[in-house]
């Protein structure tokens, strides 16, 4: 079983639901890592995965899960599914991207860490949060076409006489339709 598979099997049950006892232990560890990285303004994580596990005082599979969690904020690519204890990690990230990902995932326990105050002032944090929230996907309803508007197909006819015309029924008196 790979580190990534071990991470998934501990964090989620067979139905995909979070395993509460696991997360109760993992989240404080994750928080410590972020407090360290943000507080020391470290934008780079380097070392073998085993060394990172020792540095962060957590099992290698949890470090694998942590790295998978921040992969979208990384400047380069990292495939957590391929990591082993011997894998050499050398990744960088931007604090702006990291902060926005925390907002996107609604991780208030992370984007409200006091360590952010040494990186961004309150106004910048608010602006970044607003930008992230505004960047979500929105479904925009198509504009309604009025019966007397020109047909959007470009025929030059009114919609009611073109694409909006009722479909003629194929059934007639001989096949049981209305007379």
N, C-alpha and C. Protein backbone atom coordinates (compact mmCIF):
# COMPACT_ATOMS: atom_id res chain seq x y z
N UNK A 1 0.85 -1.18 0.00
CA UNK A 1 0.00 0.00 0.00
C UNK A 1 0.90 1.25 0.00
N UNK A 2 0.61 2.20 -0.88
CA UNK A 2 1.43 3.42 -0.96
C UNK A 2 1.13 4.33 0.22
N UNK A 3 1.99 5.31 0.43
CA UNK A 3 1.75 6.30 1.49
C UNK A 3 0.43 7.02 1.27
N UNK A 4 0.18 7.36 0.03
CA UNK A 4 -1.05 8.07 -0.30
C UNK A 4 -2.27 7.21 0.00
N UNK A 5 -2.20 5.93 -0.34
CA UNK A 5 -3.32 5.02 -0.05
C UNK A 5 -3.51 4.85 1.45
N UNK A 6 -2.39 4.80 2.19
CA UNK A 6 -2.50 4.72 3.67
C UNK A 6 -3.14 5.97 4.22
N UNK A 7 -2.74 7.12 3.66
CA UNK A 7 -3.33 8.41 4.08
C UNK A 7 -4.84 8.37 3.89
N UNK A 8 -5.27 7.98 2.71
CA UNK A 8 -6.70 7.94 2.41
C UNK A 8 -7.44 6.95 3.32
N UNK A 9 -6.83 5.77 3.55
CA UNK A 9 -7.51 4.76 4.36
C UNK A 9 -7.65 5.18 5.82
N UNK A 10 -6.76 6.02 6.29
CA UNK A 10 -6.85 6.50 7.67
C UNK A 10 -7.77 7.71 7.79
N UNK A 11 -7.78 8.55 6.77
CA UNK A 11 -8.54 9.80 6.83
C UNK A 11 -10.01 9.62 6.47
N UNK A 12 -10.31 8.61 5.64
CA UNK A 12 -11.68 8.42 5.15
C UNK A 12 -12.09 6.96 5.25
N UNK A 13 -13.37 6.74 5.55
CA UNK A 13 -13.84 5.35 5.60
C UNK A 13 -14.16 4.87 4.17
N UNK A 14 -14.65 3.66 4.03
CA UNK A 14 -14.90 3.07 2.71
C UNK A 14 -15.98 3.80 1.93
N UNK A 15 -16.83 4.55 2.63
CA UNK A 15 -17.87 5.32 1.95
C UNK A 15 -17.42 6.74 1.63
N UNK A 16 -16.18 7.07 2.00
CA UNK A 16 -15.65 8.40 1.69
C UNK A 16 -15.89 9.44 2.78
N UNK A 17 -16.46 9.02 3.90
CA UNK A 17 -16.72 9.95 5.00
C UNK A 17 -15.45 10.12 5.84
N UNK A 18 -15.28 11.31 6.38
CA UNK A 18 -14.12 11.60 7.23
C UNK A 18 -14.14 10.74 8.49
N UNK A 19 -12.97 10.29 8.90
CA UNK A 19 -12.83 9.51 10.13
C UNK A 19 -12.48 10.52 11.23
N UNK A 20 -13.46 10.85 12.05
CA UNK A 20 -13.31 11.91 13.04
C UNK A 20 -12.10 11.76 13.97
N UNK A 21 -11.86 10.58 14.55
CA UNK A 21 -10.69 10.47 15.44
C UNK A 21 -9.37 10.79 14.73
N UNK A 22 -9.28 10.41 13.46
CA UNK A 22 -8.07 10.72 12.70
C UNK A 22 -7.92 12.23 12.56
N UNK A 23 -8.98 12.90 12.12
CA UNK A 23 -8.91 14.35 11.89
C UNK A 23 -8.71 15.12 13.17
N UNK A 24 -9.25 14.62 14.29
CA UNK A 24 -9.04 15.28 15.58
C UNK A 24 -7.56 15.33 15.94
N UNK A 25 -6.82 14.31 15.51
CA UNK A 25 -5.38 14.27 15.79
C UNK A 25 -4.58 15.01 14.71
N UNK A 26 -5.00 14.87 13.45
CA UNK A 26 -4.25 15.44 12.33
C UNK A 26 -4.33 16.96 12.28
N UNK A 27 -5.50 17.54 12.46
CA UNK A 27 -5.67 18.98 12.27
C UNK A 27 -4.75 19.84 13.16
N UNK A 28 -4.55 19.49 14.44
CA UNK A 28 -3.58 20.27 15.22
C UNK A 28 -2.15 20.15 14.68
N UNK A 29 -1.80 18.97 14.14
CA UNK A 29 -0.47 18.80 13.54
C UNK A 29 -0.33 19.69 12.30
N UNK A 30 -1.35 19.68 11.48
CA UNK A 30 -1.36 20.51 10.27
C UNK A 30 -1.26 21.99 10.64
N UNK A 31 -1.98 22.38 11.66
CA UNK A 31 -1.96 23.77 12.12
C UNK A 31 -0.55 24.19 12.54
N UNK A 32 0.14 23.30 13.27
CA UNK A 32 1.52 23.59 13.69
C UNK A 32 2.44 23.81 12.50
N UNK A 33 2.27 22.99 11.47
CA UNK A 33 3.09 23.14 10.27
C UNK A 33 2.86 24.52 9.66
N UNK A 34 1.62 24.90 9.51
CA UNK A 34 1.30 26.21 8.93
C UNK A 34 1.81 27.35 9.81
N UNK A 35 1.64 27.21 11.13
CA UNK A 35 2.14 28.25 12.03
C UNK A 35 3.64 28.43 11.84
N UNK A 36 4.35 27.33 11.69
CA UNK A 36 5.80 27.37 11.49
C UNK A 36 6.14 28.01 10.14
N UNK A 37 5.53 27.51 9.07
CA UNK A 37 5.82 28.03 7.73
C UNK A 37 5.48 29.52 7.61
N UNK A 38 4.30 29.89 8.04
CA UNK A 38 3.84 31.28 7.91
C UNK A 38 4.60 32.18 8.87
N UNK A 39 4.74 31.74 10.11
CA UNK A 39 5.44 32.55 11.12
C UNK A 39 6.88 32.83 10.76
N UNK A 40 7.55 31.85 10.14
CA UNK A 40 8.95 32.02 9.73
C UNK A 40 9.08 32.49 8.28
N UNK A 41 7.94 32.74 7.65
CA UNK A 41 7.88 33.19 6.26
C UNK A 41 8.65 32.27 5.32
N UNK A 42 8.52 30.98 5.57
CA UNK A 42 9.16 29.97 4.73
C UNK A 42 8.24 29.65 3.57
N UNK A 43 8.73 29.83 2.35
CA UNK A 43 7.96 29.54 1.16
C UNK A 43 8.46 28.31 0.44
N UNK A 44 9.33 27.57 1.09
CA UNK A 44 9.93 26.40 0.46
C UNK A 44 9.96 25.25 1.46
N UNK A 45 9.60 24.07 0.99
CA UNK A 45 9.65 22.85 1.79
C UNK A 45 10.61 21.91 1.08
N UNK A 46 11.69 21.52 1.79
CA UNK A 46 12.69 20.64 1.20
C UNK A 46 13.07 19.52 2.15
N UNK A 47 13.51 18.43 1.56
CA UNK A 47 13.98 17.27 2.33
C UNK A 47 13.29 16.02 1.85
N UNK A 48 13.77 14.88 2.31
CA UNK A 48 13.07 13.64 1.96
C UNK A 48 11.75 13.63 2.74
N UNK A 49 10.82 12.85 2.26
CA UNK A 49 9.54 12.78 2.95
C UNK A 49 9.73 12.25 4.37
N UNK A 50 10.65 11.31 4.55
CA UNK A 50 10.94 10.78 5.89
C UNK A 50 11.50 11.88 6.79
N UNK A 51 12.39 12.73 6.25
CA UNK A 51 12.93 13.85 7.04
C UNK A 51 11.83 14.84 7.42
N UNK A 52 10.93 15.09 6.48
CA UNK A 52 9.81 16.01 6.78
C UNK A 52 8.91 15.42 7.85
N UNK A 53 8.70 14.10 7.81
CA UNK A 53 7.88 13.45 8.82
C UNK A 53 8.51 13.63 10.20
N UNK A 54 9.82 13.51 10.27
CA UNK A 54 10.53 13.70 11.54
C UNK A 54 10.45 15.17 11.98
N UNK A 55 10.68 16.08 11.03
CA UNK A 55 10.65 17.52 11.34
C UNK A 55 9.26 17.95 11.83
N UNK A 56 8.23 17.44 11.17
CA UNK A 56 6.86 17.83 11.52
C UNK A 56 6.23 16.94 12.58
N UNK A 57 6.97 15.92 13.04
CA UNK A 57 6.52 15.00 14.08
C UNK A 57 5.17 14.37 13.75
N UNK A 58 5.13 13.78 12.56
CA UNK A 58 3.93 13.08 12.13
C UNK A 58 4.32 11.93 11.20
N UNK A 59 3.47 10.93 11.06
CA UNK A 59 3.78 9.81 10.19
C UNK A 59 3.97 10.25 8.73
N UNK A 60 4.80 9.55 7.97
CA UNK A 60 5.03 9.92 6.56
C UNK A 60 3.76 10.03 5.73
N UNK A 61 2.78 9.15 5.98
CA UNK A 61 1.54 9.23 5.21
C UNK A 61 0.77 10.53 5.49
N UNK A 62 0.91 11.06 6.71
CA UNK A 62 0.27 12.33 7.01
C UNK A 62 0.96 13.49 6.30
N UNK A 63 2.29 13.41 6.19
CA UNK A 63 3.03 14.42 5.43
C UNK A 63 2.62 14.34 3.97
N UNK A 64 2.45 13.14 3.46
CA UNK A 64 1.98 12.93 2.09
C UNK A 64 0.61 13.60 1.91
N UNK A 65 -0.28 13.41 2.86
CA UNK A 65 -1.60 14.04 2.81
C UNK A 65 -1.52 15.55 2.90
N UNK A 66 -0.63 16.05 3.74
CA UNK A 66 -0.42 17.49 3.87
C UNK A 66 0.03 18.08 2.53
N UNK A 67 1.02 17.43 1.90
CA UNK A 67 1.53 17.91 0.62
C UNK A 67 0.45 17.84 -0.46
N UNK A 68 -0.37 16.80 -0.41
CA UNK A 68 -1.47 16.70 -1.36
C UNK A 68 -2.46 17.85 -1.14
N UNK A 69 -2.64 18.23 0.11
CA UNK A 69 -3.57 19.31 0.43
C UNK A 69 -3.13 20.67 -0.05
N UNK A 70 -1.82 20.88 -0.17
CA UNK A 70 -1.34 22.19 -0.62
C UNK A 70 -0.89 22.19 -2.08
N UNK A 71 -1.07 21.07 -2.79
CA UNK A 71 -0.51 20.96 -4.14
C UNK A 71 -1.01 22.06 -5.08
N UNK A 72 -2.24 22.54 -4.89
CA UNK A 72 -2.76 23.59 -5.78
C UNK A 72 -2.12 24.94 -5.52
N UNK A 73 -1.50 25.12 -4.37
CA UNK A 73 -0.84 26.39 -4.05
C UNK A 73 0.65 26.35 -4.41
N UNK A 74 1.13 25.19 -4.83
CA UNK A 74 2.55 25.05 -5.14
C UNK A 74 2.89 25.70 -6.48
N UNK A 75 4.12 26.19 -6.58
CA UNK A 75 4.57 26.79 -7.83
C UNK A 75 4.85 25.74 -8.90
N UNK A 76 5.16 24.53 -8.50
CA UNK A 76 5.43 23.45 -9.44
C UNK A 76 4.45 22.31 -9.24
N UNK A 77 4.76 21.21 -9.87
CA UNK A 77 3.91 20.02 -9.78
C UNK A 77 4.42 19.07 -8.70
N UNK A 78 3.49 18.40 -8.05
CA UNK A 78 3.82 17.37 -7.07
C UNK A 78 2.70 16.35 -7.10
N UNK A 79 3.03 15.10 -7.37
CA UNK A 79 2.03 14.04 -7.39
C UNK A 79 2.16 13.23 -6.11
N UNK A 80 1.29 13.52 -5.15
CA UNK A 80 1.35 12.86 -3.84
C UNK A 80 1.16 11.34 -3.96
N UNK A 81 0.46 10.91 -5.00
CA UNK A 81 0.21 9.47 -5.17
C UNK A 81 1.49 8.69 -5.43
N UNK A 82 2.53 9.36 -5.89
CA UNK A 82 3.78 8.70 -6.24
C UNK A 82 4.84 8.78 -5.13
N UNK A 83 4.55 9.48 -4.04
CA UNK A 83 5.55 9.71 -3.01
C UNK A 83 5.86 8.46 -2.19
N UNK A 84 7.15 8.33 -1.86
CA UNK A 84 7.60 7.29 -0.95
C UNK A 84 8.37 8.00 0.17
N UNK A 85 8.75 7.26 1.19
CA UNK A 85 9.50 7.86 2.29
C UNK A 85 10.83 8.43 1.81
N UNK A 86 11.39 7.85 0.74
CA UNK A 86 12.67 8.31 0.20
C UNK A 86 12.54 9.47 -0.78
N UNK A 87 11.32 9.79 -1.19
CA UNK A 87 11.12 10.87 -2.17
C UNK A 87 11.72 12.18 -1.66
N UNK A 88 12.45 12.84 -2.55
CA UNK A 88 13.03 14.14 -2.22
C UNK A 88 12.01 15.22 -2.58
N UNK A 89 11.67 16.02 -1.62
CA UNK A 89 10.69 17.08 -1.79
C UNK A 89 11.43 18.41 -1.89
N UNK A 90 11.09 19.19 -2.89
CA UNK A 90 11.62 20.54 -3.03
C UNK A 90 10.55 21.35 -3.72
N UNK A 91 9.68 21.94 -2.93
CA UNK A 91 8.54 22.69 -3.47
C UNK A 91 8.51 24.09 -2.88
N UNK A 92 8.00 25.01 -3.67
CA UNK A 92 7.79 26.37 -3.20
C UNK A 92 6.33 26.74 -3.43
N UNK A 93 5.89 27.72 -2.68
CA UNK A 93 4.52 28.19 -2.80
C UNK A 93 4.50 29.68 -2.49
N UNK A 94 3.45 30.33 -2.94
CA UNK A 94 3.26 31.74 -2.63
C UNK A 94 2.25 31.88 -1.51
N UNK A 95 2.50 32.83 -0.63
CA UNK A 95 1.58 33.02 0.49
C UNK A 95 0.19 33.46 0.03
N UNK A 96 0.14 34.23 -1.05
CA UNK A 96 -1.16 34.68 -1.56
C UNK A 96 -1.98 33.48 -2.03
N UNK A 97 -1.35 32.59 -2.81
CA UNK A 97 -2.05 31.40 -3.31
C UNK A 97 -2.47 30.50 -2.14
N UNK A 98 -1.60 30.35 -1.16
CA UNK A 98 -1.90 29.51 0.00
C UNK A 98 -3.08 30.09 0.79
N UNK A 99 -3.05 31.39 1.02
CA UNK A 99 -4.14 32.04 1.76
C UNK A 99 -5.47 31.87 1.03
N UNK A 100 -5.45 32.08 -0.28
CA UNK A 100 -6.68 31.95 -1.06
C UNK A 100 -7.21 30.52 -1.04
N UNK A 101 -6.32 29.52 -1.08
CA UNK A 101 -6.77 28.12 -1.02
C UNK A 101 -7.42 27.83 0.33
N UNK A 102 -6.87 28.40 1.39
CA UNK A 102 -7.47 28.21 2.71
C UNK A 102 -8.87 28.80 2.76
N UNK A 103 -9.03 29.96 2.13
CA UNK A 103 -10.36 30.59 2.07
C UNK A 103 -11.30 29.73 1.22
N UNK A 104 -10.80 29.27 0.08
CA UNK A 104 -11.63 28.44 -0.81
C UNK A 104 -12.13 27.19 -0.09
N UNK A 105 -11.26 26.55 0.69
CA UNK A 105 -11.64 25.33 1.40
C UNK A 105 -12.37 25.61 2.72
N UNK A 106 -12.62 26.89 2.96
CA UNK A 106 -13.33 27.30 4.18
C UNK A 106 -12.63 26.80 5.44
N UNK A 107 -11.29 26.86 5.41
CA UNK A 107 -10.46 26.41 6.53
C UNK A 107 -10.18 27.61 7.45
N UNK A 108 -11.22 28.06 8.12
CA UNK A 108 -11.09 29.22 9.01
C UNK A 108 -10.05 29.03 10.09
N UNK A 109 -9.84 27.80 10.52
CA UNK A 109 -8.82 27.54 11.54
C UNK A 109 -7.42 27.81 11.01
N UNK A 110 -7.28 27.94 9.67
CA UNK A 110 -5.97 28.20 9.08
C UNK A 110 -5.83 29.63 8.55
N UNK A 111 -6.83 30.14 7.86
CA UNK A 111 -6.65 31.49 7.32
C UNK A 111 -6.85 32.58 8.37
N UNK A 112 -7.25 32.20 9.58
CA UNK A 112 -7.35 33.18 10.67
C UNK A 112 -6.19 33.06 11.65
N UNK A 113 -5.18 32.27 11.31
CA UNK A 113 -4.02 32.14 12.20
C UNK A 113 -3.37 33.51 12.41
N UNK A 114 -2.98 33.83 13.64
CA UNK A 114 -2.35 35.13 13.89
C UNK A 114 -1.04 35.33 13.12
N UNK A 115 -0.41 34.25 12.71
CA UNK A 115 0.84 34.35 11.95
C UNK A 115 0.65 35.08 10.62
N UNK A 116 -0.56 35.07 10.09
CA UNK A 116 -0.81 35.78 8.83
C UNK A 116 -0.61 37.28 8.98
N UNK A 117 -0.76 37.79 10.19
CA UNK A 117 -0.62 39.24 10.43
C UNK A 117 0.79 39.73 10.09
N UNK A 118 1.79 38.85 10.18
CA UNK A 118 3.15 39.26 9.84
C UNK A 118 3.42 39.16 8.34
N UNK A 119 2.48 38.55 7.60
CA UNK A 119 2.64 38.39 6.16
C UNK A 119 1.79 39.42 5.40
N UNK A 120 0.52 39.53 5.78
CA UNK A 120 -0.42 40.46 5.13
C UNK A 120 -1.12 41.30 6.19
N UNK A 121 -1.32 42.57 5.89
CA UNK A 121 -2.11 43.39 6.81
C UNK A 121 -3.59 43.00 6.69
N UNK A 122 -4.41 43.49 7.59
CA UNK A 122 -5.82 43.10 7.64
C UNK A 122 -6.54 43.45 6.33
N UNK A 123 -6.21 44.59 5.77
CA UNK A 123 -6.85 45.02 4.52
C UNK A 123 -6.52 44.06 3.37
N UNK A 124 -5.28 43.64 3.29
CA UNK A 124 -4.86 42.70 2.23
C UNK A 124 -5.52 41.35 2.43
N UNK A 125 -5.58 40.86 3.66
CA UNK A 125 -6.24 39.58 3.92
C UNK A 125 -7.71 39.63 3.52
N UNK A 126 -8.36 40.74 3.82
CA UNK A 126 -9.77 40.90 3.46
C UNK A 126 -9.93 40.94 1.94
N UNK A 127 -9.03 41.65 1.26
CA UNK A 127 -9.09 41.74 -0.21
C UNK A 127 -8.88 40.36 -0.83
N UNK A 128 -7.89 39.61 -0.34
CA UNK A 128 -7.63 38.27 -0.87
C UNK A 128 -8.82 37.34 -0.65
N UNK A 129 -9.43 37.43 0.52
CA UNK A 129 -10.59 36.59 0.82
C UNK A 129 -11.75 36.94 -0.12
N UNK A 130 -11.97 38.24 -0.34
CA UNK A 130 -13.06 38.67 -1.24
C UNK A 130 -12.79 38.22 -2.67
N UNK A 131 -11.54 38.35 -3.11
CA UNK A 131 -11.19 37.91 -4.46
C UNK A 131 -11.45 36.42 -4.62
N UNK A 132 -11.06 35.63 -3.63
CA UNK A 132 -11.25 34.19 -3.71
C UNK A 132 -12.73 33.83 -3.72
N UNK A 133 -13.49 34.46 -2.87
CA UNK A 133 -14.92 34.15 -2.81
C UNK A 133 -15.62 34.56 -4.11
N UNK A 134 -15.16 35.65 -4.72
CA UNK A 134 -15.78 36.13 -5.96
C UNK A 134 -15.36 35.29 -7.16
N UNK A 135 -14.30 34.50 -7.02
CA UNK A 135 -13.80 33.73 -8.16
C UNK A 135 -14.54 32.41 -8.34
N UNK A 136 -15.51 32.12 -7.50
CA UNK A 136 -16.24 30.86 -7.59
C UNK A 136 -17.01 30.76 -8.88
N UNK A 137 -17.45 29.58 -9.18
CA UNK A 137 -18.21 29.33 -10.40
C UNK A 137 -19.66 29.74 -10.18
N UNK A 138 -20.16 30.52 -11.09
CA UNK A 138 -21.55 30.94 -11.02
C UNK A 138 -22.27 30.49 -12.29
N UNK A 139 -23.48 30.02 -12.12
CA UNK A 139 -24.28 29.65 -13.27
C UNK A 139 -25.08 30.88 -13.66
N UNK A 140 -24.92 31.25 -14.90
CA UNK A 140 -25.61 32.44 -15.39
C UNK A 140 -26.74 31.98 -16.27
N UNK A 141 -27.94 32.43 -15.95
CA UNK A 141 -29.09 32.03 -16.75
C UNK A 141 -29.04 32.75 -18.09
N UNK A 142 -29.42 32.01 -19.13
CA UNK A 142 -29.45 32.60 -20.46
C UNK A 142 -30.56 33.65 -20.51
N UNK A 143 -30.31 34.68 -21.31
CA UNK A 143 -31.30 35.73 -21.45
C UNK A 143 -32.53 35.16 -22.14
N UNK A 144 -33.71 35.50 -21.65
CA UNK A 144 -34.96 35.00 -22.22
C UNK A 144 -35.17 35.64 -23.59
N UNK A 145 -35.65 34.83 -24.50
CA UNK A 145 -35.95 35.32 -25.84
C UNK A 145 -37.45 35.56 -25.91
N UNK A 146 -37.82 36.77 -26.27
CA UNK A 146 -39.24 37.09 -26.42
C UNK A 146 -39.79 36.53 -27.72
N UNK A 147 -41.09 36.27 -27.75
CA UNK A 147 -41.71 35.71 -28.95
C UNK A 147 -41.51 36.59 -30.18
N UNK A 148 -41.51 37.90 -29.97
CA UNK A 148 -41.40 38.82 -31.10
C UNK A 148 -39.97 39.31 -31.35
N UNK A 149 -39.00 38.77 -30.59
CA UNK A 149 -37.59 39.11 -30.83
C UNK A 149 -37.10 38.37 -32.07
N UNK A 150 -36.05 38.90 -32.69
CA UNK A 150 -35.43 38.20 -33.80
C UNK A 150 -34.86 36.88 -33.29
N UNK A 151 -34.98 35.86 -34.10
CA UNK A 151 -34.50 34.53 -33.71
C UNK A 151 -32.98 34.55 -33.59
N UNK A 152 -32.43 33.97 -32.52
CA UNK A 152 -30.97 33.97 -32.33
C UNK A 152 -30.23 33.10 -33.35
N UNK A 153 -30.94 32.31 -34.15
CA UNK A 153 -30.27 31.47 -35.14
C UNK A 153 -29.76 32.29 -36.32
N UNK A 154 -30.22 33.55 -36.44
CA UNK A 154 -29.73 34.43 -37.49
C UNK A 154 -30.57 34.40 -38.76
N UNK A 155 -31.73 33.78 -38.72
CA UNK A 155 -32.58 33.68 -39.92
C UNK A 155 -33.20 35.02 -40.32
N UNK A 156 -33.31 35.94 -39.38
CA UNK A 156 -33.96 37.22 -39.65
C UNK A 156 -35.45 37.18 -39.36
N UNK A 157 -35.98 36.00 -39.04
CA UNK A 157 -37.40 35.86 -38.71
C UNK A 157 -37.61 36.12 -37.23
N UNK A 158 -38.86 36.37 -36.86
CA UNK A 158 -39.20 36.46 -35.45
C UNK A 158 -39.07 35.07 -34.84
N UNK A 159 -38.71 35.03 -33.57
CA UNK A 159 -38.52 33.77 -32.86
C UNK A 159 -39.77 32.90 -32.95
N UNK A 160 -40.97 33.51 -32.82
CA UNK A 160 -42.20 32.72 -32.81
C UNK A 160 -42.49 32.06 -34.15
N UNK A 161 -41.88 32.58 -35.23
CA UNK A 161 -42.10 32.02 -36.56
C UNK A 161 -40.93 31.15 -37.02
N UNK A 162 -39.93 31.01 -36.13
CA UNK A 162 -38.72 30.25 -36.51
C UNK A 162 -38.49 29.14 -35.48
N UNK A 163 -37.42 29.25 -34.72
CA UNK A 163 -37.05 28.20 -33.75
C UNK A 163 -38.04 28.09 -32.60
N UNK A 164 -38.81 29.14 -32.35
CA UNK A 164 -39.78 29.09 -31.26
C UNK A 164 -41.16 28.67 -31.70
N UNK A 165 -41.30 28.30 -32.99
CA UNK A 165 -42.61 27.88 -33.49
C UNK A 165 -42.97 26.53 -32.89
N UNK A 166 -44.27 26.33 -32.60
CA UNK A 166 -44.68 25.02 -32.07
C UNK A 166 -44.36 23.93 -33.09
N UNK A 167 -43.96 22.77 -32.58
CA UNK A 167 -43.64 21.64 -33.43
C UNK A 167 -44.93 21.02 -33.91
N UNK A 168 -45.06 20.82 -35.24
CA UNK A 168 -46.28 20.22 -35.80
C UNK A 168 -46.35 18.76 -35.38
N UNK A 169 -47.53 18.32 -35.04
CA UNK A 169 -47.73 16.93 -34.63
C UNK A 169 -47.79 16.04 -35.87
N UNK A 170 -47.19 14.88 -35.76
CA UNK A 170 -47.21 13.93 -36.87
C UNK A 170 -48.51 13.13 -36.90
N UNK A 171 -49.27 13.22 -35.82
CA UNK A 171 -50.47 12.40 -35.76
C UNK A 171 -51.64 13.16 -36.37
N UNK A 172 -52.37 12.49 -37.21
CA UNK A 172 -53.55 13.07 -37.85
C UNK A 172 -54.73 12.16 -37.62
N UNK A 173 -55.85 12.46 -38.29
CA UNK A 173 -57.07 11.65 -38.09
C UNK A 173 -56.87 10.18 -38.41
N UNK A 174 -56.01 9.90 -39.41
CA UNK A 174 -55.88 8.50 -39.80
C UNK A 174 -55.12 7.68 -38.77
N UNK A 175 -54.32 8.30 -37.91
CA UNK A 175 -53.59 7.51 -36.91
C UNK A 175 -54.04 7.80 -35.50
N UNK A 176 -55.25 8.21 -35.32
CA UNK A 176 -55.83 8.38 -34.00
C UNK A 176 -55.64 9.74 -33.39
N UNK A 177 -55.11 10.70 -34.14
CA UNK A 177 -54.91 12.05 -33.63
C UNK A 177 -56.20 12.83 -33.65
N UNK A 178 -56.15 14.11 -33.30
CA UNK A 178 -57.36 14.93 -33.28
C UNK A 178 -57.94 15.12 -34.68
N UNK A 179 -59.23 15.28 -34.77
CA UNK A 179 -59.90 15.45 -36.07
C UNK A 179 -60.16 16.90 -36.35
